[in-house]
Amino acid sequence: MLVEWDWWTVDFGDAHAGAVGVLVGGSELGPVYFDVGSGSDVPSTRHWSAYDGRYRRPCAEALRAVCAC
């Protein structure tokens, strides 16, 4: 699965990148999957904006910083 980093530093490159993590009930959620019809490829994301409660997706209760290192 592709991780969508929101920021990274020039000094450390990909070794020190960060994103926004989503918490529901005190634990971090897995990816959100998008139903695009039939087929073997089911797109997913962990981007914080997808956890908005629409279309039976989970609704974020809190956000936290996530670092690749």
C-alpha atoms as a PDB file:
ATOM      1  CA  MET A   1       0.000   0.000   0.000  1.00  0.00           C
ATOM      2  CA  LEU A   2       1.233   3.481  -0.842  1.00  0.00           C
ATOM      3  CA  VAL A   3       1.706   5.806   2.153  1.00  0.00           C
ATOM      4  CA  GLU A   4       0.825   9.382   1.375  1.00  0.00           C
ATOM      5  CA  TRP A   5       3.305  11.605   3.191  1.00  0.00           C
ATOM      6  CA  ASP A   6       2.252  15.211   3.709  1.00  0.00           C
ATOM      7  CA  TRP A   7       5.754  16.530   4.443  1.00  0.00           C
ATOM      8  CA  TRP A   8       9.414  15.566   4.309  1.00  0.00           C
ATOM      9  CA  THR A   9      12.747  17.225   5.060  1.00  0.00           C
ATOM     10  CA  VAL A  10      15.534  17.960   2.612  1.00  0.00           C
ATOM     11  CA  ASP A  11      18.162  16.878   5.162  1.00  0.00           C
ATOM     12  CA  PHE A  12      16.769  13.364   5.654  1.00  0.00           C
ATOM     13  CA  GLY A  13      14.709  12.804   2.488  1.00  0.00           C
ATOM     14  CA  ASP A  14      12.258   9.902   2.630  1.00  0.00           C
ATOM     15  CA  ALA A  15      13.800   8.609   5.868  1.00  0.00           C
ATOM     16  CA  HIS A  16      12.132  11.440   7.787  1.00  0.00           C
ATOM     17  CA  ALA A  17       8.716  12.094   6.291  1.00  0.00           C
ATOM     18  CA  GLY A  18       5.457  12.711   8.073  1.00  0.00           C
ATOM     19  CA  ALA A  19       1.722  12.600   7.713  1.00  0.00           C
ATOM     20  CA  VAL A  20      -1.451  13.061   9.733  1.00  0.00           C
ATOM     21  CA  GLY A  21      -2.728   9.914  11.444  1.00  0.00           C
ATOM     22  CA  VAL A  22      -6.408   9.354  12.250  1.00  0.00           C
ATOM     23  CA  LEU A  23      -7.661   8.065  15.599  1.00  0.00           C
ATOM     24  CA  VAL A  24     -11.074   6.581  16.385  1.00  0.00           C
ATOM     25  CA  GLY A  25     -11.700   5.191  19.847  1.00  0.00           C
ATOM     26  CA  GLY A  26      -8.061   5.781  20.786  1.00  0.00           C
ATOM     27  CA  SER A  27      -6.598   3.568  18.052  1.00  0.00           C
ATOM     28  CA  GLU A  28      -5.277   4.270  14.599  1.00  0.00           C
ATOM     29  CA  LEU A  29      -7.464   3.050  11.770  1.00  0.00           C
ATOM     30  CA  GLY A  30      -6.551   0.991   8.749  1.00  0.00           C
ATOM     31  CA  PRO A  31      -6.956   2.261   5.203  1.00  0.00           C
ATOM     32  CA  VAL A  32     -10.218   3.468   3.661  1.00  0.00           C
ATOM     33  CA  TYR A  33     -11.209   1.494   0.553  1.00  0.00           C
ATOM     34  CA  PHE A  34     -13.128   2.985  -2.362  1.00  0.00           C
ATOM     35  CA  ASP A  35     -15.742   0.913  -4.162  1.00  0.00           C
ATOM     36  CA  VAL A  36     -15.236   1.609  -7.855  1.00  0.00           C
ATOM     37  CA  GLY A  37     -17.174  -1.348  -9.188  1.00  0.00           C
ATOM     38  CA  SER A  38     -15.946  -4.758 -10.188  1.00  0.00           C
ATOM     39  CA  GLY A  39     -12.326  -5.625 -10.717  1.00  0.00           C
ATOM     40  CA  SER A  40      -9.300  -6.782  -8.783  1.00  0.00           C
ATOM     41  CA  ASP A  41      -7.878  -3.305  -8.088  1.00  0.00           C
ATOM     42  CA  VAL A  42      -9.523  -1.673  -5.054  1.00  0.00           C
ATOM     43  CA  PRO A  43      -8.035   1.775  -4.392  1.00  0.00           C
ATOM     44  CA  SER A  44      -7.326   2.702  -0.770  1.00  0.00           C
ATOM     45  CA  THR A  45      -5.862   5.576   1.220  1.00  0.00           C
ATOM     46  CA  ARG A  46      -4.838   6.517   4.727  1.00  0.00           C
ATOM     47  CA  HIS A  47      -5.010  10.264   4.026  1.00  0.00           C
ATOM     48  CA  TRP A  48      -6.746  12.041   6.904  1.00  0.00           C
ATOM     49  CA  SER A  49      -9.297  13.742   4.642  1.00  0.00           C
ATOM     50  CA  ALA A  50     -10.886  10.388   3.690  1.00  0.00           C
ATOM     51  CA  TYR A  51     -12.076   9.749   7.277  1.00  0.00           C
ATOM     52  CA  ASP A  52     -15.016  12.150   7.087  1.00  0.00           C
ATOM     53  CA  GLY A  53     -17.897   9.784   7.890  1.00  0.00           C
ATOM     54  CA  ARG A  54     -19.456   9.982   4.424  1.00  0.00           C
ATOM     55  CA  TYR A  55     -20.429   6.884   2.427  1.00  0.00           C
ATOM     56  CA  ARG A  56     -20.102   4.608   5.506  1.00  0.00           C
ATOM     57  CA  ARG A  57     -16.463   5.593   5.993  1.00  0.00           C
ATOM     58  CA  PRO A  58     -15.241   6.020   9.586  1.00  0.00           C
ATOM     59  CA  CYS A  59     -15.303   9.529  11.061  1.00  0.00           C
ATOM     60  CA  ALA A  60     -12.055  10.753  12.636  1.00  0.00           C
ATOM     61  CA  GLU A  61     -12.284  11.597  16.340  1.00  0.00           C
ATOM     62  CA  ALA A  62      -8.722  12.932  16.633  1.00  0.00           C
ATOM     63  CA  LEU A  63      -5.633  13.509  14.502  1.00  0.00           C
ATOM     64  CA  ARG A  64      -2.000  12.840  15.416  1.00  0.00           C
ATOM     65  CA  ALA A  65       1.427  13.246  13.876  1.00  0.00           C
ATOM     66  CA  VAL A  66       2.929  10.162  12.175  1.00  0.00           C
ATOM     67  CA  CYS A  67       6.608   9.905  11.220  1.00  0.00           C
ATOM     68  CA  ALA A  68       8.226   7.494   8.764  1.00  0.00           C
ATOM     69  CA  CYS A  69      11.266   6.979  11.001  1.00  0.00           C
END
